[in-house]
Amino acid sequence: MQDTHKKATFRELHMAMVALVGVMNRPQRDEQLLAAAGVSLDRALFPLLVLAGRFGPIAVGELADRVGRDYTTVSRQLAKLESLGLIMRQPGQKDRRITEATTTPAGVAMNAAIDTARERMARQIFDRWEDADVETLTRLLSRFARELEAVDPALHLRDD
């Protein structure tokens, strides 16, 4: 791939990711998904419940990092989820000084309802795609996410 073509491709990829993140971060998207799932939950709590379900037990600090909020805010929001019976906080399995969050059976059930609604929404797009294209997109996005997470942001990238 020629350098000029690479730069254009990288720019196009970046713009696609910016557009995707922009759509995914719209508050009304979360509200639509929660409504489609038949779930009544404060939109600010929604990502915490989903991530606790996907990655739990998860340290509160890691959860805060994943949602881009400070520890104190996430801790307060987890207390709300805990009062709703959706998550449970406990000392860390490996380090008892760390607090971890995990979903309760009610939280698992709520995440299942959200997953079902998310799948219905995704089918509106992907039912028009070839199965192989959906599988390729999934494989490549997963690979990209793993490798992006592994990049050390402290390294100064230079233009070669």
N, C-alpha and C. Protein backbone atom coordinates (compact mmCIF):
# COMPACT_ATOMS: atom_id res chain seq x y z
N MET A 1 0.85 -1.17 0.00
CA MET A 1 0.00 0.00 0.00
C MET A 1 0.89 1.24 0.00
N GLN A 2 0.68 2.13 -0.95
CA GLN A 2 1.48 3.34 -1.00
C GLN A 2 1.16 4.23 0.19
N ASP A 3 2.17 5.03 0.58
CA ASP A 3 2.03 5.87 1.76
C ASP A 3 0.85 6.84 1.63
N THR A 4 0.70 7.48 0.47
CA THR A 4 -0.41 8.42 0.27
C THR A 4 -1.74 7.70 0.40
N HIS A 5 -1.84 6.52 -0.15
CA HIS A 5 -3.07 5.73 -0.04
C HIS A 5 -3.32 5.32 1.41
N LYS A 6 -2.25 4.95 2.12
CA LYS A 6 -2.38 4.60 3.54
C LYS A 6 -2.91 5.77 4.35
N LYS A 7 -2.35 6.95 4.11
CA LYS A 7 -2.80 8.12 4.86
C LYS A 7 -4.28 8.39 4.61
N ALA A 8 -4.71 8.27 3.37
CA ALA A 8 -6.12 8.48 3.05
C ALA A 8 -6.99 7.40 3.70
N THR A 9 -6.50 6.17 3.67
CA THR A 9 -7.24 5.07 4.29
C THR A 9 -7.34 5.26 5.80
N PHE A 10 -6.22 5.63 6.44
CA PHE A 10 -6.23 5.86 7.88
C PHE A 10 -7.17 7.01 8.25
N ARG A 11 -7.15 8.06 7.43
CA ARG A 11 -8.04 9.20 7.67
C ARG A 11 -9.51 8.75 7.55
N GLU A 12 -9.80 7.96 6.53
CA GLU A 12 -11.17 7.45 6.34
C GLU A 12 -11.57 6.54 7.50
N LEU A 13 -10.65 5.69 7.94
CA LEU A 13 -10.91 4.81 9.08
C LEU A 13 -11.19 5.65 10.33
N HIS A 14 -10.38 6.66 10.56
CA HIS A 14 -10.58 7.53 11.72
C HIS A 14 -11.95 8.21 11.65
N MET A 15 -12.32 8.72 10.51
CA MET A 15 -13.62 9.39 10.37
C MET A 15 -14.76 8.39 10.60
N ALA A 16 -14.60 7.17 10.13
CA ALA A 16 -15.63 6.14 10.37
C ALA A 16 -15.76 5.85 11.86
N MET A 17 -14.61 5.77 12.56
CA MET A 17 -14.65 5.52 14.00
C MET A 17 -15.25 6.70 14.74
N VAL A 18 -14.93 7.92 14.35
CA VAL A 18 -15.51 9.10 14.98
C VAL A 18 -17.02 9.10 14.79
N ALA A 19 -17.46 8.76 13.57
CA ALA A 19 -18.90 8.70 13.31
C ALA A 19 -19.56 7.61 14.15
N LEU A 20 -18.92 6.45 14.24
CA LEU A 20 -19.46 5.33 15.01
C LEU A 20 -19.56 5.68 16.49
N VAL A 21 -18.49 6.24 17.05
CA VAL A 21 -18.49 6.63 18.46
C VAL A 21 -19.55 7.70 18.69
N GLY A 22 -19.66 8.63 17.76
CA GLY A 22 -20.67 9.69 17.89
C GLY A 22 -22.08 9.13 17.95
N VAL A 23 -22.37 8.18 17.08
CA VAL A 23 -23.70 7.55 17.09
C VAL A 23 -23.90 6.75 18.37
N MET A 24 -22.89 5.98 18.75
CA MET A 24 -23.01 5.12 19.93
C MET A 24 -23.13 5.92 21.22
N ASN A 25 -22.58 7.13 21.25
CA ASN A 25 -22.60 7.94 22.48
C ASN A 25 -23.80 8.88 22.57
N ARG A 26 -24.68 8.86 21.60
CA ARG A 26 -25.86 9.73 21.68
C ARG A 26 -26.78 9.23 22.78
N PRO A 27 -27.16 10.13 23.68
CA PRO A 27 -28.04 9.73 24.78
C PRO A 27 -29.34 9.09 24.30
N GLN A 28 -29.90 9.61 23.20
CA GLN A 28 -31.16 9.07 22.72
C GLN A 28 -31.02 7.62 22.23
N ARG A 29 -29.82 7.22 21.80
CA ARG A 29 -29.61 5.82 21.40
C ARG A 29 -29.76 4.90 22.61
N ASP A 30 -29.13 5.29 23.73
CA ASP A 30 -29.26 4.50 24.95
C ASP A 30 -30.72 4.44 25.39
N GLU A 31 -31.39 5.60 25.34
CA GLU A 31 -32.79 5.64 25.75
C GLU A 31 -33.65 4.75 24.86
N GLN A 32 -33.38 4.76 23.54
CA GLN A 32 -34.13 3.90 22.62
C GLN A 32 -33.88 2.43 22.92
N LEU A 33 -32.63 2.09 23.20
CA LEU A 33 -32.29 0.71 23.50
C LEU A 33 -32.95 0.25 24.80
N LEU A 34 -32.88 1.09 25.82
CA LEU A 34 -33.51 0.74 27.09
C LEU A 34 -35.02 0.59 26.93
N ALA A 35 -35.65 1.48 26.16
CA ALA A 35 -37.09 1.39 25.93
C ALA A 35 -37.42 0.11 25.16
N ALA A 36 -36.61 -0.21 24.14
CA ALA A 36 -36.84 -1.42 23.35
C ALA A 36 -36.68 -2.68 24.20
N ALA A 37 -35.84 -2.59 25.22
CA ALA A 37 -35.62 -3.73 26.12
C ALA A 37 -36.69 -3.80 27.21
N GLY A 38 -37.51 -2.75 27.31
CA GLY A 38 -38.51 -2.70 28.37
C GLY A 38 -37.88 -2.48 29.73
N VAL A 39 -36.77 -1.76 29.74
CA VAL A 39 -35.99 -1.54 30.96
C VAL A 39 -36.11 -0.09 31.39
N SER A 40 -36.36 0.11 32.66
CA SER A 40 -36.37 1.45 33.23
C SER A 40 -35.11 1.59 34.07
N LEU A 41 -34.17 2.37 33.55
CA LEU A 41 -32.89 2.55 34.22
C LEU A 41 -32.32 3.90 33.82
N ASP A 42 -31.78 4.61 34.79
CA ASP A 42 -31.12 5.88 34.52
C ASP A 42 -30.04 5.64 33.47
N ARG A 43 -30.05 6.46 32.44
CA ARG A 43 -29.11 6.28 31.33
C ARG A 43 -27.65 6.31 31.78
N ALA A 44 -27.34 7.07 32.83
CA ALA A 44 -25.96 7.15 33.32
C ALA A 44 -25.51 5.83 33.94
N LEU A 45 -26.47 5.03 34.42
CA LEU A 45 -26.14 3.76 35.05
C LEU A 45 -26.00 2.63 34.03
N PHE A 46 -26.60 2.82 32.88
CA PHE A 46 -26.67 1.79 31.85
C PHE A 46 -25.31 1.21 31.46
N PRO A 47 -24.31 2.04 31.09
CA PRO A 47 -23.02 1.45 30.69
C PRO A 47 -22.33 0.70 31.83
N LEU A 48 -22.53 1.15 33.05
CA LEU A 48 -21.90 0.48 34.19
C LEU A 48 -22.48 -0.92 34.37
N LEU A 49 -23.79 -1.04 34.24
CA LEU A 49 -24.43 -2.34 34.35
C LEU A 49 -23.95 -3.28 33.25
N VAL A 50 -23.91 -2.76 32.02
CA VAL A 50 -23.48 -3.59 30.89
C VAL A 50 -22.03 -4.04 31.07
N LEU A 51 -21.14 -3.12 31.42
CA LEU A 51 -19.73 -3.48 31.56
C LEU A 51 -19.49 -4.41 32.75
N ALA A 52 -20.22 -4.20 33.84
CA ALA A 52 -20.10 -5.11 34.98
C ALA A 52 -20.54 -6.51 34.57
N GLY A 53 -21.54 -6.57 33.70
CA GLY A 53 -22.00 -7.86 33.21
C GLY A 53 -21.00 -8.51 32.26
N ARG A 54 -20.35 -7.72 31.44
CA ARG A 54 -19.40 -8.25 30.46
C ARG A 54 -18.07 -8.63 31.09
N PHE A 55 -17.59 -7.80 32.02
CA PHE A 55 -16.23 -7.95 32.53
C PHE A 55 -16.16 -8.34 34.01
N GLY A 56 -17.31 -8.44 34.67
CA GLY A 56 -17.33 -8.67 36.11
C GLY A 56 -16.89 -10.06 36.52
N PRO A 57 -16.39 -10.17 37.72
CA PRO A 57 -16.16 -9.05 38.63
C PRO A 57 -15.06 -8.13 38.08
N ILE A 58 -15.34 -6.83 38.17
CA ILE A 58 -14.43 -5.82 37.63
C ILE A 58 -14.15 -4.79 38.71
N ALA A 59 -12.90 -4.39 38.82
CA ALA A 59 -12.50 -3.39 39.81
C ALA A 59 -13.18 -2.06 39.48
N VAL A 60 -13.60 -1.36 40.50
CA VAL A 60 -14.30 -0.09 40.31
C VAL A 60 -13.42 0.89 39.53
N GLY A 61 -12.12 0.91 39.82
CA GLY A 61 -11.20 1.79 39.10
C GLY A 61 -11.13 1.45 37.61
N GLU A 62 -11.10 0.18 37.28
CA GLU A 62 -11.08 -0.23 35.87
C GLU A 62 -12.39 0.14 35.19
N LEU A 63 -13.48 -0.06 35.89
CA LEU A 63 -14.79 0.30 35.35
C LEU A 63 -14.85 1.80 35.08
N ALA A 64 -14.36 2.61 36.03
CA ALA A 64 -14.32 4.06 35.84
C ALA A 64 -13.50 4.42 34.61
N ASP A 65 -12.37 3.76 34.44
CA ASP A 65 -11.51 4.01 33.29
C ASP A 65 -12.22 3.66 31.99
N ARG A 66 -12.92 2.54 31.98
CA ARG A 66 -13.61 2.09 30.76
C ARG A 66 -14.74 3.03 30.34
N VAL A 67 -15.39 3.68 31.29
CA VAL A 67 -16.48 4.59 30.93
C VAL A 67 -16.04 6.06 30.90
N GLY A 68 -14.77 6.31 31.24
CA GLY A 68 -14.25 7.67 31.17
C GLY A 68 -14.80 8.59 32.24
N ARG A 69 -15.04 8.03 33.42
CA ARG A 69 -15.53 8.82 34.55
C ARG A 69 -14.57 8.64 35.71
N ASP A 70 -14.66 9.55 36.68
CA ASP A 70 -13.76 9.41 37.83
C ASP A 70 -14.30 8.35 38.79
N TYR A 71 -13.40 7.86 39.60
CA TYR A 71 -13.69 6.77 40.54
C TYR A 71 -14.85 7.11 41.46
N THR A 72 -14.85 8.34 41.99
CA THR A 72 -15.88 8.75 42.94
C THR A 72 -17.27 8.72 42.30
N THR A 73 -17.37 9.22 41.09
CA THR A 73 -18.66 9.23 40.37
C THR A 73 -19.13 7.81 40.14
N VAL A 74 -18.24 6.95 39.66
CA VAL A 74 -18.62 5.57 39.38
C VAL A 74 -19.00 4.85 40.67
N SER A 75 -18.28 5.09 41.72
CA SER A 75 -18.60 4.46 43.00
C SER A 75 -20.01 4.86 43.45
N ARG A 76 -20.34 6.13 43.30
CA ARG A 76 -21.67 6.63 43.67
C ARG A 76 -22.74 5.99 42.78
N GLN A 77 -22.46 5.87 41.48
CA GLN A 77 -23.42 5.27 40.56
C GLN A 77 -23.58 3.77 40.82
N LEU A 78 -22.50 3.12 41.20
CA LEU A 78 -22.60 1.70 41.55
C LEU A 78 -23.44 1.50 42.80
N ALA A 79 -23.36 2.47 43.72
CA ALA A 79 -24.21 2.38 44.92
C ALA A 79 -25.68 2.42 44.52
N LYS A 80 -26.01 3.22 43.51
CA LYS A 80 -27.40 3.26 43.01
C LYS A 80 -27.78 1.92 42.40
N LEU A 81 -26.89 1.36 41.57
CA LEU A 81 -27.17 0.05 40.97
C LEU A 81 -27.31 -1.02 42.04
N GLU A 82 -26.50 -0.90 43.08
CA GLU A 82 -26.57 -1.86 44.17
C GLU A 82 -27.91 -1.74 44.91
N SER A 83 -28.36 -0.50 45.12
CA SER A 83 -29.65 -0.30 45.82
C SER A 83 -30.82 -0.82 44.98
N LEU A 84 -30.63 -0.88 43.66
CA LEU A 84 -31.66 -1.43 42.77
C LEU A 84 -31.58 -2.96 42.68
N GLY A 85 -30.55 -3.53 43.33
CA GLY A 85 -30.39 -4.98 43.31
C GLY A 85 -29.81 -5.53 42.01
N LEU A 86 -29.12 -4.66 41.24
CA LEU A 86 -28.60 -5.07 39.93
C LEU A 86 -27.14 -5.46 39.95
N ILE A 87 -26.39 -4.88 40.88
CA ILE A 87 -24.98 -5.26 41.03
C ILE A 87 -24.69 -5.47 42.50
N MET A 88 -23.55 -6.09 42.73
CA MET A 88 -23.06 -6.32 44.09
C MET A 88 -21.61 -5.88 44.11
N ARG A 89 -21.22 -5.14 45.15
CA ARG A 89 -19.82 -4.76 45.31
C ARG A 89 -19.23 -5.63 46.41
N GLN A 90 -17.99 -6.02 46.20
CA GLN A 90 -17.31 -6.90 47.14
C GLN A 90 -15.81 -6.65 47.08
N PRO A 91 -15.08 -7.08 48.10
CA PRO A 91 -13.63 -6.95 48.04
C PRO A 91 -13.08 -7.78 46.87
N GLY A 92 -11.99 -7.29 46.29
CA GLY A 92 -11.39 -7.98 45.15
C GLY A 92 -10.97 -9.40 45.48
N GLN A 93 -11.07 -10.26 44.50
CA GLN A 93 -10.69 -11.65 44.69
C GLN A 93 -9.19 -11.81 44.90
N LYS A 94 -8.40 -10.99 44.15
CA LYS A 94 -6.93 -11.09 44.24
C LYS A 94 -6.35 -10.10 45.24
N ASP A 95 -7.00 -8.95 45.36
CA ASP A 95 -6.53 -7.90 46.27
C ASP A 95 -7.73 -7.37 47.03
N ARG A 96 -7.83 -7.71 48.29
CA ARG A 96 -9.00 -7.37 49.10
C ARG A 96 -9.14 -5.86 49.33
N ARG A 97 -8.09 -5.09 49.02
CA ARG A 97 -8.17 -3.63 49.18
C ARG A 97 -8.98 -3.00 48.04
N ILE A 98 -9.12 -3.72 46.95
CA ILE A 98 -9.84 -3.22 45.77
C ILE A 98 -11.30 -3.67 45.86
N THR A 99 -12.20 -2.78 45.47
CA THR A 99 -13.61 -3.13 45.41
C THR A 99 -13.95 -3.54 43.98
N GLU A 100 -14.64 -4.66 43.85
CA GLU A 100 -15.07 -5.15 42.54
C GLU A 100 -16.59 -5.13 42.45
N ALA A 101 -17.08 -4.97 41.23
CA ALA A 101 -18.52 -5.00 40.97
C ALA A 101 -18.83 -6.21 40.10
N THR A 102 -19.94 -6.84 40.42
CA THR A 102 -20.43 -7.95 39.62
C THR A 102 -21.95 -7.87 39.57
N THR A 103 -22.54 -8.40 38.53
CA THR A 103 -23.99 -8.33 38.41
C THR A 103 -24.65 -9.40 39.26
N THR A 104 -25.81 -9.06 39.78
CA THR A 104 -26.65 -10.00 40.52
C THR A 104 -27.51 -10.74 39.49
N PRO A 105 -28.26 -11.75 39.90
CA PRO A 105 -29.17 -12.39 38.95
C PRO A 105 -30.14 -11.39 38.29
N ALA A 106 -30.62 -10.40 39.04
CA ALA A 106 -31.50 -9.38 38.45
C ALA A 106 -30.74 -8.55 37.41
N GLY A 107 -29.47 -8.25 37.67
CA GLY A 107 -28.65 -7.52 36.72
C GLY A 107 -28.37 -8.34 35.47
N VAL A 108 -28.13 -9.62 35.66
CA VAL A 108 -27.92 -10.53 34.52
C VAL A 108 -29.18 -10.56 33.65
N ALA A 109 -30.35 -10.64 34.29
CA ALA A 109 -31.62 -10.67 33.54
C ALA A 109 -31.84 -9.37 32.79
N MET A 110 -31.50 -8.23 33.43
CA MET A 110 -31.67 -6.95 32.75
C MET A 110 -30.71 -6.84 31.57
N ASN A 111 -29.47 -7.29 31.74
CA ASN A 111 -28.52 -7.28 30.62
C ASN A 111 -29.00 -8.19 29.50
N ALA A 112 -29.62 -9.30 29.82
CA ALA A 112 -30.15 -10.21 28.80
C ALA A 112 -31.24 -9.52 27.99
N ALA A 113 -32.11 -8.78 28.66
CA ALA A 113 -33.17 -8.04 27.96
C ALA A 113 -32.57 -6.97 27.05
N ILE A 114 -31.53 -6.31 27.54
CA ILE A 114 -30.85 -5.28 26.74
C ILE A 114 -30.16 -5.93 25.54
N ASP A 115 -29.51 -7.07 25.75
CA ASP A 115 -28.85 -7.78 24.65
C ASP A 115 -29.85 -8.19 23.57
N THR A 116 -31.02 -8.64 23.99
CA THR A 116 -32.06 -9.04 23.03
C THR A 116 -32.51 -7.84 22.20
N ALA A 117 -32.72 -6.71 22.86
CA ALA A 117 -33.11 -5.49 22.14
C ALA A 117 -31.99 -5.02 21.22
N ARG A 118 -30.73 -5.11 21.69
CA ARG A 118 -29.58 -4.71 20.88
C ARG A 118 -29.50 -5.59 19.62
N GLU A 119 -29.74 -6.88 19.79
CA GLU A 119 -29.71 -7.79 18.64
C GLU A 119 -30.82 -7.45 17.64
N ARG A 120 -32.01 -7.14 18.14
CA ARG A 120 -33.10 -6.76 17.23
C ARG A 120 -32.72 -5.51 16.43
N MET A 121 -32.10 -4.54 17.11
CA MET A 121 -31.67 -3.32 16.42
C MET A 121 -30.58 -3.62 15.39
N ALA A 122 -29.64 -4.48 15.76
CA ALA A 122 -28.55 -4.83 14.85
C ALA A 122 -29.07 -5.56 13.62
N ARG A 123 -30.08 -6.38 13.81
CA ARG A 123 -30.64 -7.12 12.67
C ARG A 123 -31.22 -6.17 11.61
N GLN A 124 -31.66 -4.99 12.02
CA GLN A 124 -32.18 -4.02 11.06
C GLN A 124 -31.10 -3.65 10.04
N ILE A 125 -29.86 -3.74 10.45
CA ILE A 125 -28.74 -3.45 9.55
C ILE A 125 -28.22 -4.75 8.94
N PHE A 126 -27.87 -5.69 9.80
CA PHE A 126 -27.12 -6.85 9.35
C PHE A 126 -27.94 -7.90 8.60
N ASP A 127 -29.24 -7.84 8.68
CA ASP A 127 -30.04 -8.78 7.88
C ASP A 127 -29.89 -8.51 6.38
N ARG A 128 -29.41 -7.33 6.03
CA ARG A 128 -29.18 -6.98 4.62
C ARG A 128 -27.75 -7.31 4.18
N TRP A 129 -26.92 -7.73 5.12
CA TRP A 129 -25.52 -8.05 4.83
C TRP A 129 -25.37 -9.55 4.62
N GLU A 130 -24.33 -9.91 3.91
CA GLU A 130 -23.94 -11.32 3.81
C GLU A 130 -23.38 -11.76 5.16
N ASP A 131 -23.66 -12.99 5.54
CA ASP A 131 -23.15 -13.52 6.81
C ASP A 131 -21.63 -13.39 6.90
N ALA A 132 -20.96 -13.67 5.79
CA ALA A 132 -19.49 -13.60 5.79
C ALA A 132 -19.00 -12.18 6.07
N ASP A 133 -19.73 -11.17 5.58
CA ASP A 133 -19.34 -9.78 5.83
C ASP A 133 -19.50 -9.43 7.32
N VAL A 134 -20.57 -9.89 7.92
CA VAL A 134 -20.78 -9.64 9.36
C VAL A 134 -19.68 -10.32 10.16
N GLU A 135 -19.35 -11.55 9.80
CA GLU A 135 -18.29 -12.28 10.50
C GLU A 135 -16.93 -11.60 10.32
N THR A 136 -16.66 -11.12 9.11
CA THR A 136 -15.40 -10.42 8.84
C THR A 136 -15.32 -9.12 9.63
N LEU A 137 -16.41 -8.34 9.62
CA LEU A 137 -16.44 -7.10 10.40
C LEU A 137 -16.18 -7.39 11.87
N THR A 138 -16.85 -8.39 12.40
CA THR A 138 -16.70 -8.75 13.81
C THR A 138 -15.27 -9.16 14.12
N ARG A 139 -14.70 -10.00 13.28
CA ARG A 139 -13.33 -10.47 13.49
C ARG A 139 -12.34 -9.31 13.44
N LEU A 140 -12.48 -8.44 12.44
CA LEU A 140 -11.53 -7.35 12.28
C LEU A 140 -11.70 -6.28 13.36
N LEU A 141 -12.93 -5.96 13.73
CA LEU A 141 -13.14 -4.99 14.81
C LEU A 141 -12.60 -5.52 16.13
N SER A 142 -12.80 -6.80 16.38
CA SER A 142 -12.27 -7.41 17.61
C SER A 142 -10.75 -7.36 17.61
N ARG A 143 -10.16 -7.67 16.50
CA ARG A 143 -8.70 -7.62 16.40
C ARG A 143 -8.20 -6.19 16.61
N PHE A 144 -8.84 -5.24 15.94
CA PHE A 144 -8.45 -3.85 16.05
C PHE A 144 -8.57 -3.38 17.51
N ALA A 145 -9.66 -3.72 18.18
CA ALA A 145 -9.85 -3.31 19.58
C ALA A 145 -8.77 -3.89 20.47
N ARG A 146 -8.44 -5.18 20.28
CA ARG A 146 -7.38 -5.81 21.09
C ARG A 146 -6.04 -5.12 20.87
N GLU A 147 -5.71 -4.87 19.61
CA GLU A 147 -4.42 -4.27 19.31
C GLU A 147 -4.36 -2.80 19.73
N LEU A 148 -5.46 -2.08 19.59
CA LEU A 148 -5.50 -0.69 20.03
C LEU A 148 -5.32 -0.60 21.54
N GLU A 149 -5.93 -1.51 22.26
CA GLU A 149 -5.79 -1.52 23.71
C GLU A 149 -4.35 -1.85 24.13
N ALA A 150 -3.65 -2.61 23.31
CA ALA A 150 -2.28 -3.01 23.64
C ALA A 150 -1.25 -1.93 23.30
N VAL A 151 -1.63 -0.94 22.50
CA VAL A 151 -0.70 0.13 22.14
C VAL A 151 -0.37 0.94 23.39
N ASP A 152 0.89 1.18 23.60
CA ASP A 152 1.33 1.96 24.75
C ASP A 152 1.22 3.44 24.41
N PRO A 153 0.26 4.16 25.02
CA PRO A 153 0.09 5.58 24.69
C PRO A 153 1.27 6.44 25.12
N ALA A 154 2.13 5.90 25.98
CA ALA A 154 3.29 6.67 26.44
C ALA A 154 4.38 6.73 25.37
N LEU A 155 4.32 5.83 24.42
CA LEU A 155 5.31 5.84 23.34
C LEU A 155 5.06 7.03 22.42
N HIS A 156 6.11 7.68 22.05
CA HIS A 156 5.99 8.78 21.10
C HIS A 156 6.13 8.20 19.71
N LEU A 157 5.04 8.23 18.97
CA LEU A 157 5.07 7.71 17.61
C LEU A 157 5.73 8.76 16.72
N ARG A 158 6.60 8.32 15.89
CA ARG A 158 7.26 9.27 15.00
C ARG A 158 6.86 8.97 13.58
N ASP A 159 6.94 9.96 12.75
CA ASP A 159 6.59 9.83 11.33
C ASP A 159 7.81 9.34 10.58
N ASP A 160 7.74 8.10 10.12
CA ASP A 160 8.89 7.53 9.39
C ASP A 160 8.86 7.84 7.91
